[in-house]
């Protein structure tokens, strides 16, 4: 299991467009991706669940990558967050 934290810098947080992109990316990876904000968590392959977290600009999220090629999946996700959120 790999984990990392990320501070959201997008002014709108995780809204529809980046949630859809993140969902598509999560589905393409061979790992299970979970996003946590506070006490809530969501499967990254479910758009509505991601948006339900209510992640805003300045929020810190915790990402957990399990199974499959965790190292590669975590690196791809880190790059995605830096480029999109």
PDB file of N, CA and C in Angstrom:
ATOM      1  N   UNK A   1       0.840  -1.178   0.000  1.00  0.00           N
ATOM      2  CA  UNK A   1       0.000   0.000   0.000  1.00  0.00           C
ATOM      3  C   UNK A   1       0.886   1.243   0.000  1.00  0.00           C
ATOM      4  N   UNK A   2       0.562   2.182  -0.903  1.00  0.00           N
ATOM      5  CA  UNK A   2       1.252   3.466  -0.970  1.00  0.00           C
ATOM      6  C   UNK A   2       0.250   4.551  -0.614  1.00  0.00           C
ATOM      7  N   UNK A   3       0.701   5.558   0.110  1.00  0.00           N
ATOM      8  CA  UNK A   3      -0.165   6.678   0.454  1.00  0.00           C
ATOM      9  C   UNK A   3       0.605   7.983   0.279  1.00  0.00           C
ATOM     10  N   UNK A   4      -0.132   9.037  -0.002  1.00  0.00           N
ATOM     11  CA  UNK A   4       0.463  10.372  -0.021  1.00  0.00           C
ATOM     12  C   UNK A   4      -0.640  11.398   0.208  1.00  0.00           C
ATOM     13  N   UNK A   5      -0.248  12.578   0.629  1.00  0.00           N
ATOM     14  CA  UNK A   5      -1.175  13.682   0.852  1.00  0.00           C
ATOM     15  C   UNK A   5      -0.974  14.708  -0.255  1.00  0.00           C
ATOM     16  N   UNK A   6      -2.038  15.434  -0.562  1.00  0.00           N
ATOM     17  CA  UNK A   6      -1.947  16.488  -1.570  1.00  0.00           C
ATOM     18  C   UNK A   6      -2.820  17.658  -1.137  1.00  0.00           C
ATOM     19  N   UNK A   7      -2.282  18.855  -1.286  1.00  0.00           N
ATOM     20  CA  UNK A   7      -3.013  20.086  -0.979  1.00  0.00           C
ATOM     21  C   UNK A   7      -3.620  20.610  -2.279  1.00  0.00           C
ATOM     22  N   UNK A   8      -4.932  20.737  -2.328  1.00  0.00           N
ATOM     23  CA  UNK A   8      -5.643  21.169  -3.532  1.00  0.00           C
ATOM     24  C   UNK A   8      -5.383  22.656  -3.775  1.00  0.00           C
ATOM     25  N   UNK A   9      -4.900  22.976  -4.978  1.00  0.00           N
ATOM     26  CA  UNK A   9      -4.615  24.369  -5.324  1.00  0.00           C
ATOM     27  C   UNK A   9      -5.543  24.903  -6.409  1.00  0.00           C
ATOM     28  N   UNK A  10      -6.331  24.037  -7.041  1.00  0.00           N
ATOM     29  CA  UNK A  10      -7.303  24.494  -8.040  1.00  0.00           C
ATOM     30  C   UNK A  10      -8.327  25.371  -7.339  1.00  0.00           C
ATOM     31  N   UNK A  11      -8.628  26.526  -7.905  1.00  0.00           N
ATOM     32  CA  UNK A  11      -9.528  27.476  -7.237  1.00  0.00           C
ATOM     33  C   UNK A  11     -10.939  26.936  -7.033  1.00  0.00           C
ATOM     34  N   UNK A  12     -11.355  25.942  -7.810  1.00  0.00           N
ATOM     35  CA  UNK A  12     -12.687  25.363  -7.664  1.00  0.00           C
ATOM     36  C   UNK A  12     -12.680  24.014  -6.944  1.00  0.00           C
ATOM     37  N   UNK A  13     -11.508  23.521  -6.575  1.00  0.00           N
ATOM     38  CA  UNK A  13     -11.426  22.227  -5.896  1.00  0.00           C
ATOM     39  C   UNK A  13     -11.675  21.084  -6.872  1.00  0.00           C
ATOM     40  N   UNK A  14     -12.172  19.970  -6.350  1.00  0.00           N
ATOM     41  CA  UNK A  14     -12.493  18.833  -7.219  1.00  0.00           C
ATOM     42  C   UNK A  14     -13.935  19.001  -7.683  1.00  0.00           C
ATOM     43  N   UNK A  15     -14.089  19.608  -8.860  1.00  0.00           N
ATOM     44  CA  UNK A  15     -15.412  19.806  -9.450  1.00  0.00           C
ATOM     45  C   UNK A  15     -15.581  18.801 -10.591  1.00  0.00           C
ATOM     46  N   UNK A  16     -16.609  18.935 -11.382  1.00  0.00           N
ATOM     47  CA  UNK A  16     -16.984  17.926 -12.378  1.00  0.00           C
ATOM     48  C   UNK A  16     -15.868  17.541 -13.353  1.00  0.00           C
ATOM     49  N   UNK A  17     -15.212  18.517 -13.959  1.00  0.00           N
ATOM     50  CA  UNK A  17     -14.196  18.192 -14.967  1.00  0.00           C
ATOM     51  C   UNK A  17     -13.039  17.383 -14.386  1.00  0.00           C
ATOM     52  N   UNK A  18     -12.348  17.882 -13.333  1.00  0.00           N
ATOM     53  CA  UNK A  18     -11.238  17.083 -12.813  1.00  0.00           C
ATOM     54  C   UNK A  18     -11.703  15.772 -12.161  1.00  0.00           C
ATOM     55  N   UNK A  19     -12.905  15.761 -11.603  1.00  0.00           N
ATOM     56  CA  UNK A  19     -13.419  14.505 -11.025  1.00  0.00           C
ATOM     57  C   UNK A  19     -13.591  13.462 -12.128  1.00  0.00           C
ATOM     58  N   UNK A  20     -14.105  13.883 -13.275  1.00  0.00           N
ATOM     59  CA  UNK A  20     -14.260  12.967 -14.406  1.00  0.00           C
ATOM     60  C   UNK A  20     -12.927  12.468 -14.920  1.00  0.00           C
ATOM     61  N   UNK A  21     -11.948  13.367 -15.017  1.00  0.00           N
ATOM     62  CA  UNK A  21     -10.610  12.971 -15.464  1.00  0.00           C
ATOM     63  C   UNK A  21      -9.951  12.016 -14.472  1.00  0.00           C
ATOM     64  N   UNK A  22     -10.096  12.314 -13.188  1.00  0.00           N
ATOM     65  CA  UNK A  22      -9.520  11.462 -12.150  1.00  0.00           C
ATOM     66  C   UNK A  22     -10.164  10.077 -12.165  1.00  0.00           C
ATOM     67  N   UNK A  23     -11.470  10.047 -12.329  1.00  0.00           N
ATOM     68  CA  UNK A  23     -12.204   8.786 -12.397  1.00  0.00           C
ATOM     69  C   UNK A  23     -11.708   7.947 -13.575  1.00  0.00           C
ATOM     70  N   UNK A  24     -11.586   8.569 -14.728  1.00  0.00           N
ATOM     71  CA  UNK A  24     -11.113   7.869 -15.930  1.00  0.00           C
ATOM     72  C   UNK A  24      -9.700   7.322 -15.706  1.00  0.00           C
ATOM     73  N   UNK A  25      -8.836   8.127 -15.102  1.00  0.00           N
ATOM     74  CA  UNK A  25      -7.474   7.694 -14.812  1.00  0.00           C
ATOM     75  C   UNK A  25      -7.474   6.526 -13.831  1.00  0.00           C
ATOM     76  N   UNK A  26      -8.252   6.638 -12.755  1.00  0.00           N
ATOM     77  CA  UNK A  26      -8.308   5.581 -11.736  1.00  0.00           C
ATOM     78  C   UNK A  26      -8.758   4.252 -12.341  1.00  0.00           C
ATOM     79  N   UNK A  27      -9.718   4.318 -13.257  1.00  0.00           N
ATOM     80  CA  UNK A  27     -10.207   3.099 -13.911  1.00  0.00           C
ATOM     81  C   UNK A  27      -9.148   2.475 -14.815  1.00  0.00           C
ATOM     82  N   UNK A  28      -8.239   3.285 -15.347  1.00  0.00           N
ATOM     83  CA  UNK A  28      -7.210   2.775 -16.250  1.00  0.00           C
ATOM     84  C   UNK A  28      -6.038   2.125 -15.508  1.00  0.00           C
ATOM     85  N   UNK A  29      -5.906   2.404 -14.223  1.00  0.00           N
ATOM     86  CA  UNK A  29      -4.807   1.848 -13.430  1.00  0.00           C
ATOM     87  C   UNK A  29      -5.197   0.488 -12.858  1.00  0.00           C
ATOM     88  N   UNK A  30      -4.184  -0.322 -12.566  1.00  0.00           N
ATOM     89  CA  UNK A  30      -4.467  -1.654 -12.029  1.00  0.00           C
ATOM     90  C   UNK A  30      -4.481  -1.682 -10.497  1.00  0.00           C
ATOM     91  N   UNK A  31      -4.623  -0.516  -9.882  1.00  0.00           N
ATOM     92  CA  UNK A  31      -4.657  -0.399  -8.426  1.00  0.00           C
ATOM     93  C   UNK A  31      -5.999   0.162  -7.980  1.00  0.00           C
ATOM     94  N   UNK A  32      -6.349  -0.115  -6.719  1.00  0.00           N
ATOM     95  CA  UNK A  32      -7.555   0.476  -6.123  1.00  0.00           C
ATOM     96  C   UNK A  32      -7.137   1.803  -5.501  1.00  0.00           C
ATOM     97  N   UNK A  33      -7.806   2.891  -5.880  1.00  0.00           N
ATOM     98  CA  UNK A  33      -7.458   4.231  -5.420  1.00  0.00           C
ATOM     99  C   UNK A  33      -8.575   4.754  -4.513  1.00  0.00           C
ATOM    100  N   UNK A  34      -8.199   5.185  -3.316  1.00  0.00           N
ATOM    101  CA  UNK A  34      -9.163   5.773  -2.381  1.00  0.00           C
ATOM    102  C   UNK A  34      -8.705   7.179  -2.037  1.00  0.00           C
ATOM    103  N   UNK A  35      -9.642   8.116  -2.076  1.00  0.00           N
ATOM    104  CA  UNK A  35      -9.366   9.511  -1.727  1.00  0.00           C
ATOM    105  C   UNK A  35     -10.096   9.809  -0.417  1.00  0.00           C
ATOM    106  N   UNK A  36      -9.383  10.399   0.541  1.00  0.00           N
ATOM    107  CA  UNK A  36      -9.979  10.738   1.837  1.00  0.00           C
ATOM    108  C   UNK A  36      -9.874  12.242   2.074  1.00  0.00           C
ATOM    109  N   UNK A  37     -10.959  12.792   2.624  1.00  0.00           N
ATOM    110  CA  UNK A  37     -10.962  14.179   3.106  1.00  0.00           C
ATOM    111  C   UNK A  37     -11.653  14.146   4.461  1.00  0.00           C
ATOM    112  N   UNK A  38     -10.899  14.449   5.485  1.00  0.00           N
ATOM    113  CA  UNK A  38     -11.460  14.355   6.831  1.00  0.00           C
ATOM    114  C   UNK A  38     -11.871  12.928   7.126  1.00  0.00           C
ATOM    115  N   UNK A  39     -13.098  12.743   7.529  1.00  0.00           N
ATOM    116  CA  UNK A  39     -13.579  11.403   7.855  1.00  0.00           C
ATOM    117  C   UNK A  39     -14.294  10.734   6.688  1.00  0.00           C
ATOM    118  N   UNK A  40     -14.441  11.454   5.569  1.00  0.00           N
ATOM    119  CA  UNK A  40     -15.091  10.898   4.385  1.00  0.00           C
ATOM    120  C   UNK A  40     -14.049  10.277   3.459  1.00  0.00           C
ATOM    121  N   UNK A  41     -14.444   9.230   2.743  1.00  0.00           N
ATOM    122  CA  UNK A  41     -13.563   8.675   1.726  1.00  0.00           C
ATOM    123  C   UNK A  41     -14.384   8.230   0.531  1.00  0.00           C
ATOM    124  N   UNK A  42     -13.708   8.110  -0.613  1.00  0.00           N
ATOM    125  CA  UNK A  42     -14.392   7.759  -1.858  1.00  0.00           C
ATOM    126  C   UNK A  42     -13.481   6.921  -2.737  1.00  0.00           C
ATOM    127  N   UNK A  43     -14.083   5.999  -3.453  1.00  0.00           N
ATOM    128  CA  UNK A  43     -13.397   5.238  -4.481  1.00  0.00           C
ATOM    129  C   UNK A  43     -13.172   6.203  -5.648  1.00  0.00           C
ATOM    130  N   UNK A  44     -11.928   6.356  -6.070  1.00  0.00           N
ATOM    131  CA  UNK A  44     -11.604   7.331  -7.120  1.00  0.00           C
ATOM    132  C   UNK A  44     -12.194   6.962  -8.476  1.00  0.00           C
ATOM    133  N   UNK A  45     -12.709   5.759  -8.626  1.00  0.00           N
ATOM    134  CA  UNK A  45     -13.302   5.377  -9.908  1.00  0.00           C
ATOM    135  C   UNK A  45     -14.793   5.728  -9.981  1.00  0.00           C
ATOM    136  N   UNK A  46     -15.303   6.436  -8.972  1.00  0.00           N
ATOM    137  CA  UNK A  46     -16.721   6.820  -8.931  1.00  0.00           C
ATOM    138  C   UNK A  46     -16.837   8.349  -8.858  1.00  0.00           C
ATOM    139  N   UNK A  47     -17.268   8.967  -9.953  1.00  0.00           N
ATOM    140  CA  UNK A  47     -17.328  10.432 -10.061  1.00  0.00           C
ATOM    141  C   UNK A  47     -18.199  11.058  -8.970  1.00  0.00           C
ATOM    142  N   UNK A  48     -19.388  10.529  -8.783  1.00  0.00           N
ATOM    143  CA  UNK A  48     -20.310  11.107  -7.798  1.00  0.00           C
ATOM    144  C   UNK A  48     -19.722  11.010  -6.391  1.00  0.00           C
ATOM    145  N   UNK A  49     -19.063   9.908  -6.096  1.00  0.00           N
ATOM    146  CA  UNK A  49     -18.437   9.747  -4.779  1.00  0.00           C
ATOM    147  C   UNK A  49     -17.334  10.787  -4.586  1.00  0.00           C
ATOM    148  N   UNK A  50     -16.540  11.014  -5.623  1.00  0.00           N
ATOM    149  CA  UNK A  50     -15.469  12.023  -5.543  1.00  0.00           C
ATOM    150  C   UNK A  50     -16.046  13.415  -5.288  1.00  0.00           C
ATOM    151  N   UNK A  51     -17.063  13.768  -6.040  1.00  0.00           N
ATOM    152  CA  UNK A  51     -17.664  15.087  -5.876  1.00  0.00           C
ATOM    153  C   UNK A  51     -18.357  15.216  -4.517  1.00  0.00           C
ATOM    154  N   UNK A  52     -18.837  14.105  -3.996  1.00  0.00           N
ATOM    155  CA  UNK A  52     -19.495  14.097  -2.690  1.00  0.00           C
ATOM    156  C   UNK A  52     -18.568  14.408  -1.531  1.00  0.00           C
ATOM    157  N   UNK A  53     -17.260  14.311  -1.768  1.00  0.00           N
ATOM    158  CA  UNK A  53     -16.299  14.652  -0.715  1.00  0.00           C
ATOM    159  C   UNK A  53     -16.288  16.159  -0.443  1.00  0.00           C
ATOM    160  N   UNK A  54     -16.718  16.945  -1.417  1.00  0.00           N
ATOM    161  CA  UNK A  54     -16.752  18.401  -1.239  1.00  0.00           C
ATOM    162  C   UNK A  54     -15.380  19.025  -1.092  1.00  0.00           C
ATOM    163  N   UNK A  55     -14.411  18.555  -1.871  1.00  0.00           N
ATOM    164  CA  UNK A  55     -13.043  19.054  -1.775  1.00  0.00           C
ATOM    165  C   UNK A  55     -12.941  20.441  -2.413  1.00  0.00           C
ATOM    166  N   UNK A  56     -12.461  21.389  -1.635  1.00  0.00           N
ATOM    167  CA  UNK A  56     -12.335  22.787  -2.055  1.00  0.00           C
ATOM    168  C   UNK A  56     -10.862  23.197  -2.126  1.00  0.00           C
ATOM    169  N   UNK A  57     -10.623  24.360  -2.689  1.00  0.00           N
ATOM    170  CA  UNK A  57      -9.282  24.931  -2.734  1.00  0.00           C
ATOM    171  C   UNK A  57      -8.739  25.047  -1.308  1.00  0.00           C
ATOM    172  N   UNK A  58      -7.516  24.588  -1.096  1.00  0.00           N
ATOM    173  CA  UNK A  58      -6.878  24.667   0.214  1.00  0.00           C
ATOM    174  C   UNK A  58      -7.085  23.440   1.082  1.00  0.00           C
ATOM    175  N   UNK A  59      -7.933  22.511   0.648  1.00  0.00           N
ATOM    176  CA  UNK A  59      -8.153  21.275   1.411  1.00  0.00           C
ATOM    177  C   UNK A  59      -7.006  20.300   1.181  1.00  0.00           C
ATOM    178  N   UNK A  60      -6.672  19.555   2.228  1.00  0.00           N
ATOM    179  CA  UNK A  60      -5.677  18.498   2.102  1.00  0.00           C
ATOM    180  C   UNK A  60      -6.420  17.176   1.976  1.00  0.00           C
ATOM    181  N   UNK A  61      -6.039  16.390   0.971  1.00  0.00           N
ATOM    182  CA  UNK A  61      -6.635  15.064   0.795  1.00  0.00           C
ATOM    183  C   UNK A  61      -5.555  14.010   0.982  1.00  0.00           C
ATOM    184  N   UNK A  62      -5.996  12.816   1.314  1.00  0.00           N
ATOM    185  CA  UNK A  62      -5.090  11.689   1.522  1.00  0.00           C
ATOM    186  C   UNK A  62      -5.440  10.633   0.480  1.00  0.00           C
ATOM    187  N   UNK A  63      -4.451  10.184  -0.272  1.00  0.00           N
ATOM    188  CA  UNK A  63      -4.659   9.214  -1.344  1.00  0.00           C
ATOM    189  C   UNK A  63      -4.020   7.894  -0.947  1.00  0.00           C
ATOM    190  N   UNK A  64      -4.787   6.813  -1.090  1.00  0.00           N
ATOM    191  CA  UNK A  64      -4.292   5.473  -0.808  1.00  0.00           C
ATOM    192  C   UNK A  64      -4.344   4.652  -2.095  1.00  0.00           C
ATOM    193  N   UNK A  65      -3.231   4.002  -2.411  1.00  0.00           N
ATOM    194  CA  UNK A  65      -3.114   3.166  -3.609  1.00  0.00           C
ATOM    195  C   UNK A  65      -2.829   1.744  -3.145  1.00  0.00           C
ATOM    196  N   UNK A  66      -3.715   0.816  -3.513  1.00  0.00           N
ATOM    197  CA  UNK A  66      -3.559  -0.576  -3.088  1.00  0.00           C
ATOM    198  C   UNK A  66      -3.611  -1.524  -4.278  1.00  0.00           C
ATOM    199  N   UNK A  67      -2.840  -2.584  -4.195  1.00  0.00           N
ATOM    200  CA  UNK A  67      -2.818  -3.659  -5.182  1.00  0.00           C
ATOM    201  C   UNK A  67      -2.207  -3.215  -6.512  1.00  0.00           C
ATOM    202  N   UNK A  68      -1.991  -4.160  -7.385  1.00  0.00           N
ATOM    203  CA  UNK A  68      -1.406  -3.875  -8.690  1.00  0.00           C
ATOM    204  C   UNK A  68      -0.014  -3.292  -8.554  1.00  0.00           C
ATOM    205  N   UNK A  69       0.370  -2.478  -9.513  1.00  0.00           N
ATOM    206  CA  UNK A  69       1.673  -1.816  -9.499  1.00  0.00           C
ATOM    207  C   UNK A  69       1.534  -0.494  -8.735  1.00  0.00           C
ATOM    208  N   UNK A  70       1.602  -0.570  -7.415  1.00  0.00           N
ATOM    209  CA  UNK A  70       1.359   0.584  -6.549  1.00  0.00           C
ATOM    210  C   UNK A  70       2.323   1.740  -6.809  1.00  0.00           C
ATOM    211  N   UNK A  71       3.605   1.430  -6.993  1.00  0.00           N
ATOM    212  CA  UNK A  71       4.606   2.480  -7.227  1.00  0.00           C
ATOM    213  C   UNK A  71       4.254   3.291  -8.468  1.00  0.00           C
ATOM    214  N   UNK A  72       3.989   2.598  -9.561  1.00  0.00           N
ATOM    215  CA  UNK A  72       3.666   3.259 -10.820  1.00  0.00           C
ATOM    216  C   UNK A  72       2.355   4.041 -10.716  1.00  0.00           C
ATOM    217  N   UNK A  73       1.342   3.419 -10.137  1.00  0.00           N
ATOM    218  CA  UNK A  73       0.038   4.087  -9.997  1.00  0.00           C
ATOM    219  C   UNK A  73       0.154   5.346  -9.149  1.00  0.00           C
ATOM    220  N   UNK A  74       0.894   5.278  -8.037  1.00  0.00           N
ATOM    221  CA  UNK A  74       1.059   6.439  -7.159  1.00  0.00           C
ATOM    222  C   UNK A  74       1.772   7.576  -7.890  1.00  0.00           C
ATOM    223  N   UNK A  75       2.788   7.254  -8.681  1.00  0.00           N
ATOM    224  CA  UNK A  75       3.532   8.267  -9.434  1.00  0.00           C
ATOM    225  C   UNK A  75       2.619   8.935 -10.466  1.00  0.00           C
ATOM    226  N   UNK A  76       1.835   8.136 -11.179  1.00  0.00           N
ATOM    227  CA  UNK A  76       0.906   8.674 -12.181  1.00  0.00           C
ATOM    228  C   UNK A  76      -0.114   9.594 -11.511  1.00  0.00           C
ATOM    229  N   UNK A  77      -0.631   9.183 -10.363  1.00  0.00           N
ATOM    230  CA  UNK A  77      -1.613  10.001  -9.644  1.00  0.00           C
ATOM    231  C   UNK A  77      -1.000  11.305  -9.142  1.00  0.00           C
ATOM    232  N   UNK A  78       0.201  11.233  -8.591  1.00  0.00           N
ATOM    233  CA  UNK A  78       0.881  12.460  -8.116  1.00  0.00           C
ATOM    234  C   UNK A  78       1.030  13.450  -9.265  1.00  0.00           C
ATOM    235  N   UNK A  79       1.462  12.950 -10.428  1.00  0.00           N
ATOM    236  CA  UNK A  79       1.613  13.819 -11.591  1.00  0.00           C
ATOM    237  C   UNK A  79       0.270  14.421 -12.005  1.00  0.00           C
ATOM    238  N   UNK A  80      -0.786  13.598 -11.981  1.00  0.00           N
ATOM    239  CA  UNK A  80      -2.122  14.074 -12.341  1.00  0.00           C
ATOM    240  C   UNK A  80      -2.544  15.218 -11.409  1.00  0.00           C
ATOM    241  N   UNK A  81      -2.379  15.032 -10.102  1.00  0.00           N
ATOM    242  CA  UNK A  81      -2.784  16.056  -9.150  1.00  0.00           C
ATOM    243  C   UNK A  81      -2.004  17.355  -9.367  1.00  0.00           C
ATOM    244  N   UNK A  82      -0.708  17.246  -9.611  1.00  0.00           N
ATOM    245  CA  UNK A  82       0.109  18.441  -9.836  1.00  0.00           C
ATOM    246  C   UNK A  82      -0.327  19.191 -11.094  1.00  0.00           C
ATOM    247  N   UNK A  83      -0.717  18.474 -12.133  1.00  0.00           N
ATOM    248  CA  UNK A  83      -1.097  19.095 -13.397  1.00  0.00           C
ATOM    249  C   UNK A  83      -2.537  19.624 -13.400  1.00  0.00           C
ATOM    250  N   UNK A  84      -3.428  18.995 -12.620  1.00  0.00           N
ATOM    251  CA  UNK A  84      -4.857  19.306 -12.721  1.00  0.00           C
ATOM    252  C   UNK A  84      -5.516  19.880 -11.474  1.00  0.00           C
ATOM    253  N   UNK A  85      -4.929  19.688 -10.324  1.00  0.00           N
ATOM    254  CA  UNK A  85      -5.579  20.142  -9.097  1.00  0.00           C
ATOM    255  C   UNK A  85      -4.623  20.889  -8.189  1.00  0.00           C
TER     256      UNK A  85
END
